[in-house]
Amino acid sequence: MFKKIMTPVDLAHVGTLEKTLQCAADLSTHFKAPVVYVAVTSPQPGKIAHTPQEFAQKLEAFAKEQGEKHGIETGSHAMTSHDPTIDLDPTLLKAVEETGSDLVVMATHPPNFSDYIWPSNGGYVAEHSKVSVLLVR
């Protein structure tokens, strides 16, 4: 049914993504579809990497580690944005197209009052994506 699964990750907060990563791996196994892990960085040095190239290498290593851990086919797709905080939602939508994914599995939080005014990243992606989106709480 699904041919490629995209899973956005924040390399600075991987510990909070275990449920989402497991869900993506389970769906990958079920549908025999590779998972591509997507992360967004800025061109400036950050706490994860000094350059976008180093960031891409760390994301690639993370994807390989997930593949070995879960026994699934994985890949990585690093994106660069001048302001990831502001541009995250449209950048993730662009990544869906660039990776050719037909399912997005991403973490979200329980809705709160502010989500009625400003949607969460997951809510935005689900509302504007042309592909299926599974939000994991």
N, C-alpha and C. Protein backbone atom coordinates (compact mmCIF):
# COMPACT_ATOMS: atom_id res chain seq x y z
N MET A 1 0.81 -1.19 0.00
CA MET A 1 0.00 0.00 0.00
C MET A 1 0.86 1.26 0.00
N PHE A 2 1.84 1.35 0.92
CA PHE A 2 2.75 2.50 0.94
C PHE A 2 4.11 2.06 0.42
N LYS A 3 4.76 2.94 -0.33
CA LYS A 3 6.03 2.59 -0.97
C LYS A 3 7.23 3.24 -0.31
N LYS A 4 7.04 4.39 0.35
CA LYS A 4 8.14 5.06 1.04
C LYS A 4 7.56 5.88 2.19
N ILE A 5 8.19 5.74 3.35
CA ILE A 5 7.74 6.41 4.56
C ILE A 5 8.74 7.49 4.94
N MET A 6 8.26 8.70 5.12
CA MET A 6 9.11 9.79 5.58
C MET A 6 8.86 10.03 7.06
N THR A 7 9.95 10.12 7.83
CA THR A 7 9.83 10.39 9.25
C THR A 7 10.73 11.57 9.61
N PRO A 8 10.12 12.73 9.91
CA PRO A 8 10.92 13.86 10.35
C PRO A 8 11.51 13.60 11.74
N VAL A 9 12.76 13.97 11.93
CA VAL A 9 13.41 13.79 13.23
C VAL A 9 14.14 15.06 13.62
N ASP A 10 14.23 15.27 14.92
CA ASP A 10 15.05 16.34 15.48
C ASP A 10 16.20 15.65 16.17
N LEU A 11 17.38 15.72 15.59
CA LEU A 11 18.54 15.01 16.14
C LEU A 11 18.90 15.46 17.55
N ALA A 12 18.44 16.64 17.95
CA ALA A 12 18.72 17.12 19.30
C ALA A 12 17.77 16.50 20.33
N HIS A 13 16.69 15.88 19.86
CA HIS A 13 15.69 15.33 20.78
C HIS A 13 15.27 13.91 20.37
N VAL A 14 16.20 13.11 19.93
CA VAL A 14 15.90 11.75 19.48
C VAL A 14 15.28 10.92 20.60
N GLY A 15 15.68 11.16 21.83
CA GLY A 15 15.16 10.40 22.96
C GLY A 15 13.65 10.52 23.13
N THR A 16 13.07 11.61 22.68
CA THR A 16 11.63 11.80 22.80
C THR A 16 10.85 11.21 21.62
N LEU A 17 11.55 10.65 20.65
CA LEU A 17 10.91 10.16 19.43
C LEU A 17 10.76 8.64 19.37
N GLU A 18 11.07 7.93 20.44
CA GLU A 18 11.11 6.47 20.39
C GLU A 18 9.79 5.86 19.89
N LYS A 19 8.67 6.36 20.36
CA LYS A 19 7.36 5.83 19.93
C LYS A 19 7.15 6.05 18.42
N THR A 20 7.53 7.22 17.95
CA THR A 20 7.38 7.53 16.53
C THR A 20 8.33 6.69 15.68
N LEU A 21 9.56 6.55 16.14
CA LEU A 21 10.54 5.74 15.39
C LEU A 21 10.10 4.29 15.32
N GLN A 22 9.56 3.76 16.42
CA GLN A 22 9.09 2.37 16.44
C GLN A 22 7.89 2.20 15.51
N CYS A 23 6.98 3.17 15.51
CA CYS A 23 5.80 3.12 14.64
C CYS A 23 6.24 3.11 13.17
N ALA A 24 7.17 3.98 12.81
CA ALA A 24 7.67 4.03 11.42
C ALA A 24 8.33 2.72 11.05
N ALA A 25 9.10 2.15 11.97
CA ALA A 25 9.78 0.87 11.70
C ALA A 25 8.76 -0.25 11.53
N ASP A 26 7.74 -0.28 12.37
CA ASP A 26 6.71 -1.31 12.26
C ASP A 26 5.97 -1.21 10.93
N LEU A 27 5.63 0.00 10.52
CA LEU A 27 4.95 0.19 9.24
C LEU A 27 5.87 -0.18 8.08
N SER A 28 7.14 0.14 8.22
CA SER A 28 8.12 -0.23 7.20
C SER A 28 8.17 -1.74 7.02
N THR A 29 8.20 -2.45 8.12
CA THR A 29 8.24 -3.91 8.07
C THR A 29 6.96 -4.45 7.44
N HIS A 30 5.82 -3.91 7.87
CA HIS A 30 4.53 -4.39 7.36
C HIS A 30 4.37 -4.16 5.85
N PHE A 31 4.72 -2.96 5.41
CA PHE A 31 4.52 -2.62 4.00
C PHE A 31 5.75 -2.87 3.13
N LYS A 32 6.86 -3.32 3.76
CA LYS A 32 8.11 -3.53 3.04
C LYS A 32 8.50 -2.24 2.29
N ALA A 33 8.38 -1.13 3.02
CA ALA A 33 8.67 0.19 2.47
C ALA A 33 9.85 0.80 3.22
N PRO A 34 10.79 1.40 2.53
CA PRO A 34 11.91 2.04 3.23
C PRO A 34 11.44 3.28 3.99
N VAL A 35 12.16 3.60 5.04
CA VAL A 35 11.92 4.82 5.81
C VAL A 35 13.04 5.80 5.49
N VAL A 36 12.66 7.02 5.15
CA VAL A 36 13.64 8.08 4.94
C VAL A 36 13.46 9.07 6.09
N TYR A 37 14.55 9.27 6.83
CA TYR A 37 14.54 10.19 7.96
C TYR A 37 14.93 11.57 7.45
N VAL A 38 14.10 12.56 7.77
CA VAL A 38 14.31 13.93 7.29
C VAL A 38 14.57 14.81 8.50
N ALA A 39 15.55 15.68 8.37
CA ALA A 39 15.84 16.66 9.41
C ALA A 39 16.23 17.97 8.75
N VAL A 40 15.95 19.05 9.46
CA VAL A 40 16.20 20.39 8.93
C VAL A 40 17.22 21.10 9.82
N THR A 41 18.18 21.73 9.18
CA THR A 41 19.21 22.49 9.90
C THR A 41 19.35 23.86 9.26
N SER A 42 20.12 24.70 9.91
CA SER A 42 20.43 26.02 9.35
C SER A 42 21.86 26.01 8.82
N PRO A 43 22.22 26.97 8.00
CA PRO A 43 23.59 27.01 7.49
C PRO A 43 24.61 27.38 8.58
N GLN A 44 24.14 27.97 9.69
CA GLN A 44 25.03 28.36 10.76
C GLN A 44 25.37 27.16 11.64
N PRO A 45 26.52 27.21 12.32
CA PRO A 45 26.87 26.13 13.25
C PRO A 45 25.80 26.00 14.35
N GLY A 46 25.52 24.76 14.73
CA GLY A 46 24.54 24.51 15.78
C GLY A 46 25.08 23.50 16.77
N LYS A 47 24.22 23.08 17.70
CA LYS A 47 24.70 22.15 18.72
C LYS A 47 24.87 20.73 18.19
N ILE A 48 24.28 20.41 17.05
CA ILE A 48 24.41 19.08 16.45
C ILE A 48 25.59 19.01 15.50
N ALA A 49 25.78 20.07 14.71
CA ALA A 49 26.84 20.06 13.69
C ALA A 49 27.29 21.48 13.38
N HIS A 50 28.50 21.57 12.87
CA HIS A 50 29.06 22.88 12.52
C HIS A 50 28.68 23.34 11.12
N THR A 51 28.40 22.39 10.23
CA THR A 51 28.04 22.71 8.85
C THR A 51 26.88 21.85 8.40
N PRO A 52 26.17 22.26 7.36
CA PRO A 52 25.10 21.41 6.83
C PRO A 52 25.62 20.04 6.36
N GLN A 53 26.86 19.99 5.86
CA GLN A 53 27.43 18.73 5.42
C GLN A 53 27.65 17.78 6.60
N GLU A 54 28.16 18.30 7.70
CA GLU A 54 28.34 17.49 8.90
C GLU A 54 26.99 17.03 9.44
N PHE A 55 26.00 17.90 9.38
CA PHE A 55 24.65 17.56 9.82
C PHE A 55 24.10 16.40 8.97
N ALA A 56 24.30 16.49 7.66
CA ALA A 56 23.83 15.43 6.76
C ALA A 56 24.51 14.10 7.08
N GLN A 57 25.79 14.13 7.42
CA GLN A 57 26.50 12.91 7.79
C GLN A 57 25.95 12.32 9.08
N LYS A 58 25.64 13.16 10.04
CA LYS A 58 25.08 12.67 11.31
C LYS A 58 23.69 12.09 11.09
N LEU A 59 22.90 12.72 10.23
CA LEU A 59 21.57 12.18 9.93
C LEU A 59 21.69 10.85 9.21
N GLU A 60 22.63 10.74 8.30
CA GLU A 60 22.86 9.48 7.58
C GLU A 60 23.27 8.37 8.55
N ALA A 61 24.12 8.70 9.51
CA ALA A 61 24.54 7.71 10.52
C ALA A 61 23.35 7.30 11.38
N PHE A 62 22.49 8.25 11.71
CA PHE A 62 21.29 7.95 12.49
C PHE A 62 20.38 7.00 11.70
N ALA A 63 20.19 7.28 10.42
CA ALA A 63 19.34 6.43 9.59
C ALA A 63 19.90 5.01 9.50
N LYS A 64 21.20 4.91 9.33
CA LYS A 64 21.84 3.58 9.27
C LYS A 64 21.64 2.83 10.58
N GLU A 65 21.81 3.53 11.69
CA GLU A 65 21.62 2.93 13.01
C GLU A 65 20.18 2.42 13.19
N GLN A 66 19.22 3.21 12.75
CA GLN A 66 17.81 2.80 12.84
C GLN A 66 17.54 1.58 11.96
N GLY A 67 18.14 1.55 10.78
CA GLY A 67 17.98 0.41 9.89
C GLY A 67 18.50 -0.87 10.51
N GLU A 68 19.67 -0.78 11.12
CA GLU A 68 20.26 -1.96 11.77
C GLU A 68 19.46 -2.38 12.99
N LYS A 69 19.00 -1.41 13.76
CA LYS A 69 18.24 -1.69 14.98
C LYS A 69 16.92 -2.40 14.68
N HIS A 70 16.23 -1.95 13.62
CA HIS A 70 14.90 -2.47 13.31
C HIS A 70 14.87 -3.47 12.15
N GLY A 71 16.00 -3.64 11.48
CA GLY A 71 16.04 -4.56 10.35
C GLY A 71 15.23 -4.08 9.17
N ILE A 72 15.31 -2.77 8.88
CA ILE A 72 14.55 -2.17 7.79
C ILE A 72 15.49 -1.40 6.86
N GLU A 73 15.00 -1.12 5.67
CA GLU A 73 15.75 -0.30 4.72
C GLU A 73 15.52 1.17 5.08
N THR A 74 16.60 1.94 5.18
CA THR A 74 16.47 3.34 5.55
C THR A 74 17.30 4.24 4.65
N GLY A 75 16.99 5.51 4.73
CA GLY A 75 17.74 6.53 4.03
C GLY A 75 17.63 7.82 4.82
N SER A 76 18.34 8.83 4.38
CA SER A 76 18.28 10.12 5.06
C SER A 76 18.17 11.23 4.02
N HIS A 77 17.58 12.33 4.46
CA HIS A 77 17.41 13.49 3.58
C HIS A 77 17.53 14.73 4.45
N ALA A 78 18.70 15.37 4.44
CA ALA A 78 18.92 16.58 5.22
C ALA A 78 18.50 17.80 4.40
N MET A 79 17.84 18.71 5.05
CA MET A 79 17.38 19.94 4.41
C MET A 79 18.01 21.11 5.14
N THR A 80 18.31 22.18 4.42
CA THR A 80 18.86 23.38 5.01
C THR A 80 17.88 24.52 4.83
N SER A 81 17.65 25.26 5.91
CA SER A 81 16.75 26.41 5.90
C SER A 81 17.42 27.55 6.64
N HIS A 82 17.24 28.76 6.18
CA HIS A 82 17.85 29.90 6.85
C HIS A 82 17.29 30.10 8.25
N ASP A 83 16.04 29.70 8.46
CA ASP A 83 15.43 29.78 9.80
C ASP A 83 14.52 28.58 9.98
N PRO A 84 15.06 27.45 10.44
CA PRO A 84 14.25 26.23 10.58
C PRO A 84 13.03 26.40 11.48
N THR A 85 13.09 27.28 12.45
CA THR A 85 11.95 27.49 13.33
C THR A 85 10.75 28.03 12.55
N ILE A 86 11.00 28.97 11.68
CA ILE A 86 9.94 29.60 10.90
C ILE A 86 9.58 28.76 9.68
N ASP A 87 10.58 28.19 9.02
CA ASP A 87 10.38 27.50 7.75
C ASP A 87 10.16 26.00 7.86
N LEU A 88 10.04 25.45 9.06
CA LEU A 88 9.98 24.00 9.21
C LEU A 88 8.82 23.38 8.44
N ASP A 89 7.63 23.92 8.58
CA ASP A 89 6.46 23.31 7.92
C ASP A 89 6.59 23.26 6.40
N PRO A 90 6.84 24.37 5.72
CA PRO A 90 6.98 24.28 4.26
C PRO A 90 8.19 23.45 3.83
N THR A 91 9.24 23.44 4.66
CA THR A 91 10.42 22.63 4.32
C THR A 91 10.08 21.15 4.39
N LEU A 92 9.30 20.74 5.39
CA LEU A 92 8.87 19.34 5.48
C LEU A 92 7.97 18.96 4.32
N LEU A 93 7.08 19.86 3.91
CA LEU A 93 6.23 19.56 2.75
C LEU A 93 7.07 19.41 1.48
N LYS A 94 8.10 20.23 1.36
CA LYS A 94 9.01 20.12 0.21
C LYS A 94 9.74 18.78 0.26
N ALA A 95 10.12 18.34 1.46
CA ALA A 95 10.84 17.07 1.62
C ALA A 95 9.96 15.89 1.21
N VAL A 96 8.66 15.98 1.45
CA VAL A 96 7.74 14.91 1.02
C VAL A 96 7.88 14.70 -0.49
N GLU A 97 7.86 15.80 -1.22
CA GLU A 97 7.98 15.72 -2.68
C GLU A 97 9.37 15.26 -3.10
N GLU A 98 10.41 15.83 -2.50
CA GLU A 98 11.78 15.50 -2.89
C GLU A 98 12.12 14.03 -2.63
N THR A 99 11.55 13.45 -1.59
CA THR A 99 11.86 12.06 -1.25
C THR A 99 10.93 11.08 -1.94
N GLY A 100 9.84 11.56 -2.52
CA GLY A 100 8.88 10.67 -3.17
C GLY A 100 8.11 9.83 -2.16
N SER A 101 7.97 10.31 -0.96
CA SER A 101 7.26 9.57 0.09
C SER A 101 5.76 9.63 -0.12
N ASP A 102 5.08 8.55 0.28
CA ASP A 102 3.62 8.54 0.20
C ASP A 102 2.97 8.36 1.57
N LEU A 103 3.79 8.35 2.62
CA LEU A 103 3.29 8.33 4.00
C LEU A 103 4.28 9.09 4.86
N VAL A 104 3.76 9.96 5.71
CA VAL A 104 4.58 10.68 6.68
C VAL A 104 4.19 10.19 8.07
N VAL A 105 5.16 9.76 8.84
CA VAL A 105 4.94 9.36 10.23
C VAL A 105 5.75 10.33 11.07
N MET A 106 5.03 11.15 11.86
CA MET A 106 5.75 12.15 12.64
C MET A 106 5.15 12.33 14.02
N ALA A 107 6.00 12.78 14.93
CA ALA A 107 5.59 13.02 16.30
C ALA A 107 4.77 14.30 16.39
N THR A 108 3.88 14.33 17.37
CA THR A 108 3.13 15.53 17.68
C THR A 108 2.82 15.53 19.16
N HIS A 109 2.16 16.55 19.61
CA HIS A 109 1.80 16.65 21.03
C HIS A 109 0.28 16.74 21.15
N PRO A 110 -0.26 16.44 22.31
CA PRO A 110 -1.71 16.62 22.48
C PRO A 110 -2.07 18.07 22.22
N PRO A 111 -3.19 18.32 21.56
CA PRO A 111 -3.56 19.70 21.24
C PRO A 111 -3.81 20.52 22.50
N ASN A 112 -3.45 21.78 22.42
CA ASN A 112 -3.76 22.71 23.50
C ASN A 112 -4.39 23.95 22.89
N PHE A 113 -4.70 24.93 23.71
CA PHE A 113 -5.43 26.10 23.24
C PHE A 113 -4.73 26.79 22.07
N SER A 114 -3.42 26.95 22.12
CA SER A 114 -2.71 27.68 21.07
C SER A 114 -2.80 26.97 19.71
N ASP A 115 -3.04 25.65 19.72
CA ASP A 115 -3.14 24.93 18.45
C ASP A 115 -4.38 25.32 17.65
N TYR A 116 -5.34 25.92 18.32
CA TYR A 116 -6.53 26.39 17.60
C TYR A 116 -6.23 27.67 16.83
N ILE A 117 -5.18 28.34 17.23
CA ILE A 117 -4.77 29.57 16.54
C ILE A 117 -3.61 29.29 15.60
N TRP A 118 -2.58 28.60 16.11
CA TRP A 118 -1.41 28.23 15.33
C TRP A 118 -1.29 26.72 15.36
N PRO A 119 -1.44 26.07 14.24
CA PRO A 119 -1.36 24.60 14.26
C PRO A 119 0.04 24.11 14.59
N SER A 120 0.11 22.92 15.18
CA SER A 120 1.41 22.29 15.43
C SER A 120 2.05 21.94 14.10
N ASN A 121 3.34 21.59 14.12
CA ASN A 121 4.00 21.20 12.88
C ASN A 121 3.29 20.01 12.26
N GLY A 122 2.97 19.01 13.08
CA GLY A 122 2.26 17.83 12.57
C GLY A 122 0.90 18.19 12.00
N GLY A 123 0.18 19.07 12.69
CA GLY A 123 -1.12 19.50 12.21
C GLY A 123 -1.03 20.22 10.88
N TYR A 124 -0.02 21.07 10.74
CA TYR A 124 0.19 21.79 9.49
C TYR A 124 0.49 20.83 8.35
N VAL A 125 1.42 19.90 8.60
CA VAL A 125 1.79 18.94 7.56
C VAL A 125 0.58 18.09 7.17
N ALA A 126 -0.18 17.63 8.16
CA ALA A 126 -1.36 16.80 7.87
C ALA A 126 -2.39 17.59 7.06
N GLU A 127 -2.56 18.85 7.38
CA GLU A 127 -3.56 19.68 6.70
C GLU A 127 -3.16 20.02 5.27
N HIS A 128 -1.87 20.20 5.01
CA HIS A 128 -1.43 20.69 3.71
C HIS A 128 -0.77 19.65 2.82
N SER A 129 -0.48 18.48 3.32
CA SER A 129 0.20 17.46 2.52
C SER A 129 -0.77 16.77 1.57
N LYS A 130 -0.22 16.33 0.46
CA LYS A 130 -1.02 15.57 -0.52
C LYS A 130 -0.95 14.07 -0.25
N VAL A 131 -0.15 13.66 0.75
CA VAL A 131 0.00 12.25 1.08
C VAL A 131 -0.57 11.99 2.47
N SER A 132 -0.69 10.72 2.81
CA SER A 132 -1.19 10.35 4.13
C SER A 132 -0.19 10.75 5.21
N VAL A 133 -0.71 11.17 6.35
CA VAL A 133 0.12 11.60 7.47
C VAL A 133 -0.40 10.92 8.73
N LEU A 134 0.50 10.24 9.44
CA LEU A 134 0.17 9.60 10.71
C LEU A 134 0.88 10.37 11.80
N LEU A 135 0.11 10.97 12.71
CA LEU A 135 0.69 11.72 13.82
C LEU A 135 0.71 10.84 15.05
N VAL A 136 1.88 10.73 15.66
CA VAL A 136 2.06 9.85 16.81
C VAL A 136 2.22 10.71 18.05
N ARG A 137 1.36 10.43 19.05
CA ARG A 137 1.44 11.17 20.32
C ARG A 137 2.10 10.33 21.35
